[in-house]
Amino acid sequence: MDYESAALLAVGAALLACALAVAGVWLYAAGRAQRAALIRRLSEERGQGPDGRSRRFAQVDRRVRRTALGRRLERRLAVTGLDVTPGEFTVYVVLLVAAVWIVADAVFAAFFGPVAGVIALWCAHAFLNWQRQRRIEAFINQLPDFSRILANATQAGLALRTALGIAAEELPAPAGEELARVTDQLSVGVSLDEALGDLQDRLPSRELVVLVSTLVLSNRAGGQVVSSLRNLTVTLNDRKETRREVRTQLAQVTLTGYTVPVMGLGSLILTDQIIPGSLDRMSSSALGQGAIILSVGLYAAGILLIRRMARIHV
């Protein structure tokens, strides 16, 4: 073997060693990331948070998750994006109901305790709905940026699954978290139609339905997806501005819906201050109890009607 052949062999061996070293480093980093994800998931199952800190009320959480109501609560909490376990939420709601019950019993009368407890339960349910709707609104506001990233990535020649991964890294929460869940589903063999359909079920909206339909049809039949996404980006931006204008116009109506029950509560306190003991005498009779329940029902119906009137689908 001459000197030139030995030099070429040495260079080839060195390049092969470098390639193997790079591949080893990449595999090591991927293994560490998978191990960290596994530890995080197992920690959450054992009652620990993603940062390793112990979750509160771990035993209560395990018992709540075994029930059908606890599983439904877990799904609702997952949609809202709150970093709260079903057990923690259950304990917090119980404490809230107990505190409101005691305060209403001390300030008004004994009959108002259970009424206030029922109202507190309804408020907890309304809070979850409000948080879910807030997350949906935030996701809708990010859809134009999401569509723009997909258009740029597909125009550059990337596959749709790769474009979804780029969008999951570029966009902040909640879009980044939801798209990361979609890419995780794709990585374990779930089809694109099922993953996007699951996303549509978690965050239902007309804008997302249009975007998902465009992506699914383009993935099935092919075609020029870039121009469709460009046009869809312009449309989503226009709808975003329209929704913002409608929400601004209806802000006064929404504020009125929350002001009316506060006025009713203030009138009760004022009546008891003007005529001491009036609430005790009113709640001690069946007629007075019926009037209180009827008034609470009317206030609740008024709030629901005002919210229904202020709900305009754009």
Protein backbone atom coordinates (compact mmCIF):
# COMPACT_ATOMS: atom_id res chain seq x y z
CA MET A 1 0.00 0.00 0.00
CA ASP A 2 1.48 3.33 -1.09
CA TYR A 3 1.46 6.57 0.84
CA GLU A 4 -1.49 8.09 -1.09
CA SER A 5 -3.76 5.09 -0.45
CA ALA A 6 -2.90 5.09 3.23
CA ALA A 7 -3.71 8.80 3.46
CA LEU A 8 -7.09 8.31 1.76
CA LEU A 9 -7.85 5.39 4.06
CA ALA A 10 -6.99 7.49 7.11
CA VAL A 11 -9.17 10.38 5.92
CA GLY A 12 -12.06 8.02 5.25
CA ALA A 13 -11.70 6.44 8.67
CA ALA A 14 -11.61 9.87 10.28
CA LEU A 15 -14.75 10.98 8.43
CA LEU A 16 -16.51 7.75 9.41
CA ALA A 17 -15.50 8.26 13.04
CA CYS A 18 -16.82 11.84 12.96
CA ALA A 19 -20.10 10.69 11.44
CA LEU A 20 -20.47 7.97 14.07
CA ALA A 21 -19.65 10.49 16.81
CA VAL A 22 -22.32 12.91 15.55
CA ALA A 23 -24.85 10.09 15.30
CA GLY A 24 -23.96 8.94 18.81
CA VAL A 25 -24.37 12.43 20.23
CA TRP A 26 -27.73 12.78 18.49
CA LEU A 27 -28.95 9.42 19.79
CA TYR A 28 -27.75 10.30 23.28
CA ALA A 29 -29.63 13.63 23.22
CA ALA A 30 -32.78 11.96 21.88
CA GLY A 31 -32.56 9.28 24.57
CA ARG A 32 -32.17 11.88 27.30
CA ALA A 33 -35.20 13.79 25.97
CA GLN A 34 -37.32 10.61 25.90
CA ARG A 35 -36.15 9.71 29.39
CA ALA A 36 -37.05 13.18 30.68
CA ALA A 37 -40.50 12.95 29.06
CA LEU A 38 -41.05 9.50 30.59
CA ILE A 39 -39.97 10.71 34.03
CA ARG A 40 -42.26 13.74 33.72
CA ARG A 41 -45.24 11.58 32.75
CA LEU A 42 -44.59 9.04 35.50
CA SER A 43 -44.11 11.86 38.01
CA GLU A 44 -47.49 13.30 37.10
CA GLU A 45 -49.07 9.86 37.49
CA ARG A 46 -47.46 9.51 40.94
CA GLY A 47 -48.84 12.88 41.99
CA GLN A 48 -45.92 15.13 41.08
CA GLY A 49 -45.92 18.15 38.83
CA PRO A 50 -43.90 18.55 35.61
CA ASP A 51 -41.15 20.36 37.55
CA GLY A 52 -40.77 17.48 40.01
CA ARG A 53 -42.60 19.13 42.90
CA SER A 54 -45.13 17.01 44.74
CA ARG A 55 -48.75 17.61 43.87
CA ARG A 56 -51.17 18.56 46.58
CA PHE A 57 -53.85 16.10 47.67
CA ALA A 58 -52.35 13.15 45.78
CA GLN A 59 -54.52 10.58 47.56
CA VAL A 60 -57.68 12.55 46.88
CA ASP A 61 -56.63 12.86 43.25
CA ARG A 62 -56.20 9.10 42.86
CA ARG A 63 -59.64 8.46 44.36
CA VAL A 64 -61.30 11.11 42.23
CA ARG A 65 -59.77 9.77 39.02
CA ARG A 66 -61.31 6.34 39.67
CA THR A 67 -64.85 7.74 39.43
CA ALA A 68 -66.75 8.57 36.24
CA LEU A 69 -67.21 12.16 37.40
CA GLY A 70 -63.48 12.44 38.06
CA ARG A 71 -62.64 11.21 34.56
CA ARG A 72 -65.02 13.75 33.07
CA LEU A 73 -63.46 16.46 35.21
CA GLU A 74 -59.99 15.40 34.06
CA ARG A 75 -61.02 15.79 30.42
CA ARG A 76 -62.51 19.22 31.09
CA LEU A 77 -59.37 20.36 32.90
CA ALA A 78 -57.20 19.11 30.04
CA VAL A 79 -59.18 21.25 27.59
CA THR A 80 -58.92 24.37 29.76
CA GLY A 81 -55.11 24.15 29.97
CA LEU A 82 -55.06 24.68 33.74
CA ASP A 83 -52.17 23.12 35.66
CA VAL A 84 -54.54 21.61 38.22
CA THR A 85 -55.28 17.95 38.90
CA PRO A 86 -58.87 16.72 39.39
CA GLY A 87 -58.14 16.10 43.06
CA GLU A 88 -56.83 19.63 43.61
CA PHE A 89 -59.79 21.16 41.80
CA THR A 90 -62.23 19.05 43.83
CA VAL A 91 -60.65 20.11 47.12
CA TYR A 92 -60.62 23.77 46.09
CA VAL A 93 -64.28 23.65 45.11
CA VAL A 94 -65.24 21.96 48.39
CA LEU A 95 -63.36 24.61 50.35
CA LEU A 96 -65.00 27.36 48.30
CA VAL A 97 -68.47 25.95 48.90
CA ALA A 98 -67.82 25.60 52.62
CA ALA A 99 -66.46 29.15 52.90
CA VAL A 100 -69.34 30.68 50.94
CA TRP A 101 -71.85 28.64 52.95
CA ILE A 102 -70.42 29.85 56.27
CA VAL A 103 -70.21 33.49 55.14
CA ALA A 104 -73.77 33.51 53.79
CA ASP A 105 -75.02 31.86 57.00
CA ALA A 106 -73.26 34.48 59.14
CA VAL A 107 -74.08 37.56 57.05
CA PHE A 108 -77.64 36.80 55.91
CA ALA A 109 -79.48 33.84 57.45
CA ALA A 110 -79.18 30.06 57.82
CA PHE A 111 -81.35 29.45 54.76
CA PHE A 112 -78.96 31.36 52.51
CA GLY A 113 -76.08 28.95 53.28
CA PRO A 114 -77.12 26.05 51.01
CA VAL A 115 -78.32 28.52 48.35
CA ALA A 116 -74.88 30.15 48.34
CA GLY A 117 -73.26 26.70 48.19
CA VAL A 118 -75.24 25.78 45.07
CA ILE A 119 -74.31 29.13 43.51
CA ALA A 120 -70.63 28.45 44.31
CA LEU A 121 -70.84 25.06 42.55
CA TRP A 122 -72.39 26.73 39.53
CA CYS A 123 -69.64 29.36 39.56
CA ALA A 124 -66.97 26.63 39.56
CA HIS A 125 -68.65 25.01 36.55
CA ALA A 126 -68.93 28.40 34.83
CA PHE A 127 -65.26 29.07 35.54
CA LEU A 128 -64.24 25.91 33.68
CA ASN A 129 -66.44 26.87 30.73
CA TRP A 130 -65.02 30.39 30.74
CA GLN A 131 -61.44 29.11 30.86
CA ARG A 132 -62.16 26.69 28.01
CA GLN A 133 -63.74 29.43 25.91
CA ARG A 134 -60.84 31.74 26.69
CA ARG A 135 -58.37 29.12 25.48
CA ILE A 136 -60.40 28.62 22.31
CA GLU A 137 -60.42 32.37 21.67
CA ALA A 138 -56.67 32.56 22.20
CA PHE A 139 -56.16 29.66 19.81
CA ILE A 140 -58.40 31.30 17.19
CA ASN A 141 -56.34 34.49 17.41
CA GLN A 142 -53.22 32.43 16.64
CA LEU A 143 -54.72 30.67 13.62
CA PRO A 144 -53.57 33.33 11.09
CA ASP A 145 -49.96 32.92 12.27
CA PHE A 146 -50.39 29.15 12.22
CA SER A 147 -51.68 29.21 8.66
CA ARG A 148 -48.86 31.54 7.60
CA ILE A 149 -46.20 29.23 9.07
CA LEU A 150 -47.74 26.24 7.29
CA ALA A 151 -47.82 28.13 3.98
CA ASN A 152 -44.18 29.17 4.29
CA ALA A 153 -43.06 25.68 5.28
CA THR A 154 -44.95 23.92 2.50
CA GLN A 155 -43.72 26.48 -0.02
CA ALA A 156 -40.18 25.63 1.05
CA GLY A 157 -40.85 22.00 0.13
CA LEU A 158 -41.37 20.57 3.61
CA ALA A 159 -43.92 17.88 4.33
CA LEU A 160 -47.10 18.77 6.18
CA ARG A 161 -46.08 16.81 9.27
CA THR A 162 -42.76 18.62 9.39
CA ALA A 163 -44.58 21.95 8.97
CA LEU A 164 -46.81 21.10 11.92
CA GLY A 165 -43.74 20.38 14.04
CA ILE A 166 -42.21 23.75 13.08
CA ALA A 167 -45.46 25.53 13.95
CA ALA A 168 -45.54 23.75 17.33
CA GLU A 169 -42.04 25.06 18.09
CA GLU A 170 -42.62 28.60 16.82
CA LEU A 171 -46.04 29.40 18.26
CA PRO A 172 -46.59 30.11 21.98
CA ALA A 173 -49.32 28.54 24.10
CA PRO A 174 -52.04 27.50 23.59
CA ALA A 175 -51.39 26.81 19.88
CA GLY A 176 -47.88 25.51 20.55
CA GLU A 177 -49.09 23.08 23.21
CA GLU A 178 -51.98 21.80 21.11
CA LEU A 179 -49.85 21.37 17.99
CA ALA A 180 -47.17 19.61 20.05
CA ARG A 181 -49.86 17.15 21.11
CA VAL A 182 -50.76 16.66 17.44
CA THR A 183 -47.13 16.00 16.48
CA ASP A 184 -46.80 13.54 19.37
CA GLN A 185 -49.83 11.65 18.08
CA LEU A 186 -48.36 11.60 14.57
CA SER A 187 -45.06 10.27 15.88
CA VAL A 188 -46.74 7.22 17.45
CA GLY A 189 -48.61 6.26 14.29
CA VAL A 190 -51.88 8.19 14.49
CA SER A 191 -53.07 9.34 11.08
CA LEU A 192 -53.14 13.02 10.21
CA ASP A 193 -56.93 13.01 9.86
CA GLU A 194 -57.42 11.55 13.34
CA ALA A 195 -54.88 13.87 14.98
CA LEU A 196 -56.39 17.00 13.43
CA GLY A 197 -59.89 15.73 14.18
CA ASP A 198 -58.91 15.30 17.83
CA LEU A 199 -57.60 18.87 17.83
CA GLN A 200 -60.88 20.06 16.34
CA ASP A 201 -62.84 18.23 19.05
CA ARG A 202 -60.75 19.78 21.84
CA LEU A 203 -60.98 23.34 20.51
CA PRO A 204 -64.15 23.58 18.41
CA SER A 205 -64.45 26.68 16.22
CA ARG A 206 -65.51 27.51 12.69
CA GLU A 207 -62.07 28.85 11.80
CA LEU A 208 -60.36 25.65 12.90
CA VAL A 209 -62.92 23.55 10.99
CA VAL A 210 -62.05 25.40 7.77
CA LEU A 211 -58.30 25.07 8.36
CA VAL A 212 -58.50 21.37 9.26
CA SER A 213 -60.69 20.66 6.24
CA THR A 214 -58.18 22.40 3.97
CA LEU A 215 -55.26 20.44 5.40
CA VAL A 216 -57.08 17.09 5.31
CA LEU A 217 -58.26 17.53 1.71
CA SER A 218 -54.81 18.66 0.60
CA ASN A 219 -53.23 15.67 2.32
CA ARG A 220 -55.66 13.25 0.67
CA ALA A 221 -55.95 14.64 -2.84
CA GLY A 222 -52.77 16.69 -3.12
CA GLY A 223 -52.86 19.96 -5.05
CA GLN A 224 -51.57 23.43 -4.49
CA VAL A 225 -51.89 23.89 -0.73
CA VAL A 226 -49.73 27.02 -0.55
CA SER A 227 -52.19 29.30 -2.35
CA SER A 228 -55.07 27.91 -0.29
CA LEU A 229 -53.22 28.61 2.93
CA ARG A 230 -52.30 32.12 1.77
CA ASN A 231 -55.93 32.93 1.02
CA LEU A 232 -57.01 31.32 4.28
CA THR A 233 -54.52 33.48 6.21
CA VAL A 234 -56.10 36.65 4.82
CA THR A 235 -59.58 35.36 5.64
CA LEU A 236 -58.61 34.42 9.19
CA ASN A 237 -57.11 37.86 9.77
CA ASP A 238 -60.34 39.51 8.59
CA ARG A 239 -62.45 37.27 10.84
CA LYS A 240 -60.13 38.02 13.75
CA GLU A 241 -60.68 41.76 13.37
CA THR A 242 -64.44 41.28 12.98
CA ARG A 243 -64.64 39.19 16.14
CA ARG A 244 -62.68 41.84 18.01
CA GLU A 245 -65.06 44.59 16.90
CA VAL A 246 -68.13 42.54 17.84
CA ARG A 247 -66.68 41.75 21.26
CA THR A 248 -65.98 45.44 21.85
CA GLN A 249 -69.52 46.41 20.88
CA LEU A 250 -71.03 43.82 23.25
CA ALA A 251 -68.80 44.65 26.23
CA GLN A 252 -71.52 46.82 27.83
CA VAL A 253 -74.13 44.07 27.50
CA THR A 254 -71.78 41.56 29.12
CA LEU A 255 -71.04 43.94 31.98
CA THR A 256 -74.77 44.43 32.53
CA GLY A 257 -75.25 40.68 32.85
CA TYR A 258 -72.82 40.59 35.78
CA THR A 259 -74.01 43.85 37.36
CA VAL A 260 -77.65 42.79 37.79
CA PRO A 261 -77.04 39.96 40.32
CA VAL A 262 -74.59 42.17 42.25
CA MET A 263 -77.35 44.76 42.59
CA GLY A 264 -79.70 42.09 43.91
CA LEU A 265 -77.16 40.98 46.51
CA GLY A 266 -76.59 44.58 47.53
CA SER A 267 -80.34 45.11 47.96
CA LEU A 268 -80.50 42.13 50.34
CA ILE A 269 -77.69 43.54 52.47
CA LEU A 270 -79.29 47.00 52.44
CA THR A 271 -82.68 45.59 53.46
CA ASP A 272 -81.17 43.71 56.38
CA GLN A 273 -79.33 46.86 57.50
CA ILE A 274 -82.46 49.02 57.34
CA ILE A 275 -84.71 46.43 59.01
CA PRO A 276 -82.52 44.23 61.24
CA GLY A 277 -83.65 40.60 61.29
CA SER A 278 -85.82 40.92 58.20
CA LEU A 279 -83.91 38.22 56.33
CA ASP A 280 -84.28 35.81 59.26
CA ARG A 281 -88.02 36.37 59.39
CA MET A 282 -88.35 36.10 55.60
CA SER A 283 -86.35 32.88 55.35
CA SER A 284 -88.17 31.24 58.28
CA SER A 285 -91.46 30.91 56.37
CA ALA A 286 -92.21 28.69 53.39
CA LEU A 287 -93.50 31.65 51.38
CA GLY A 288 -90.30 33.62 51.96
CA GLN A 289 -88.13 30.63 51.07
CA GLY A 290 -90.05 30.13 47.86
CA ALA A 291 -89.66 33.82 47.00
CA ILE A 292 -85.89 33.60 47.58
CA ILE A 293 -85.54 30.52 45.39
CA LEU A 294 -87.72 32.12 42.71
CA SER A 295 -85.66 35.31 42.73
CA VAL A 296 -82.40 33.38 42.46
CA GLY A 297 -83.85 31.43 39.54
CA LEU A 298 -84.97 34.64 37.83
CA TYR A 299 -81.54 36.20 38.26
CA ALA A 300 -79.92 33.08 36.81
CA ALA A 301 -82.38 33.08 33.90
CA GLY A 302 -81.63 36.77 33.29
CA ILE A 303 -77.88 36.13 33.17
CA LEU A 304 -78.35 33.25 30.74
CA LEU A 305 -80.65 35.30 28.50
CA ILE A 306 -78.26 38.25 28.44
CA ARG A 307 -75.35 35.98 27.57
CA ARG A 308 -77.41 34.27 24.88
CA MET A 309 -78.36 37.63 23.37
CA ALA A 310 -74.73 38.76 23.46
CA ARG A 311 -73.48 35.57 21.79
CA ILE A 312 -73.07 36.40 18.11
CA HIS A 313 -71.37 33.86 15.87
CA VAL A 314 -69.16 35.50 13.29
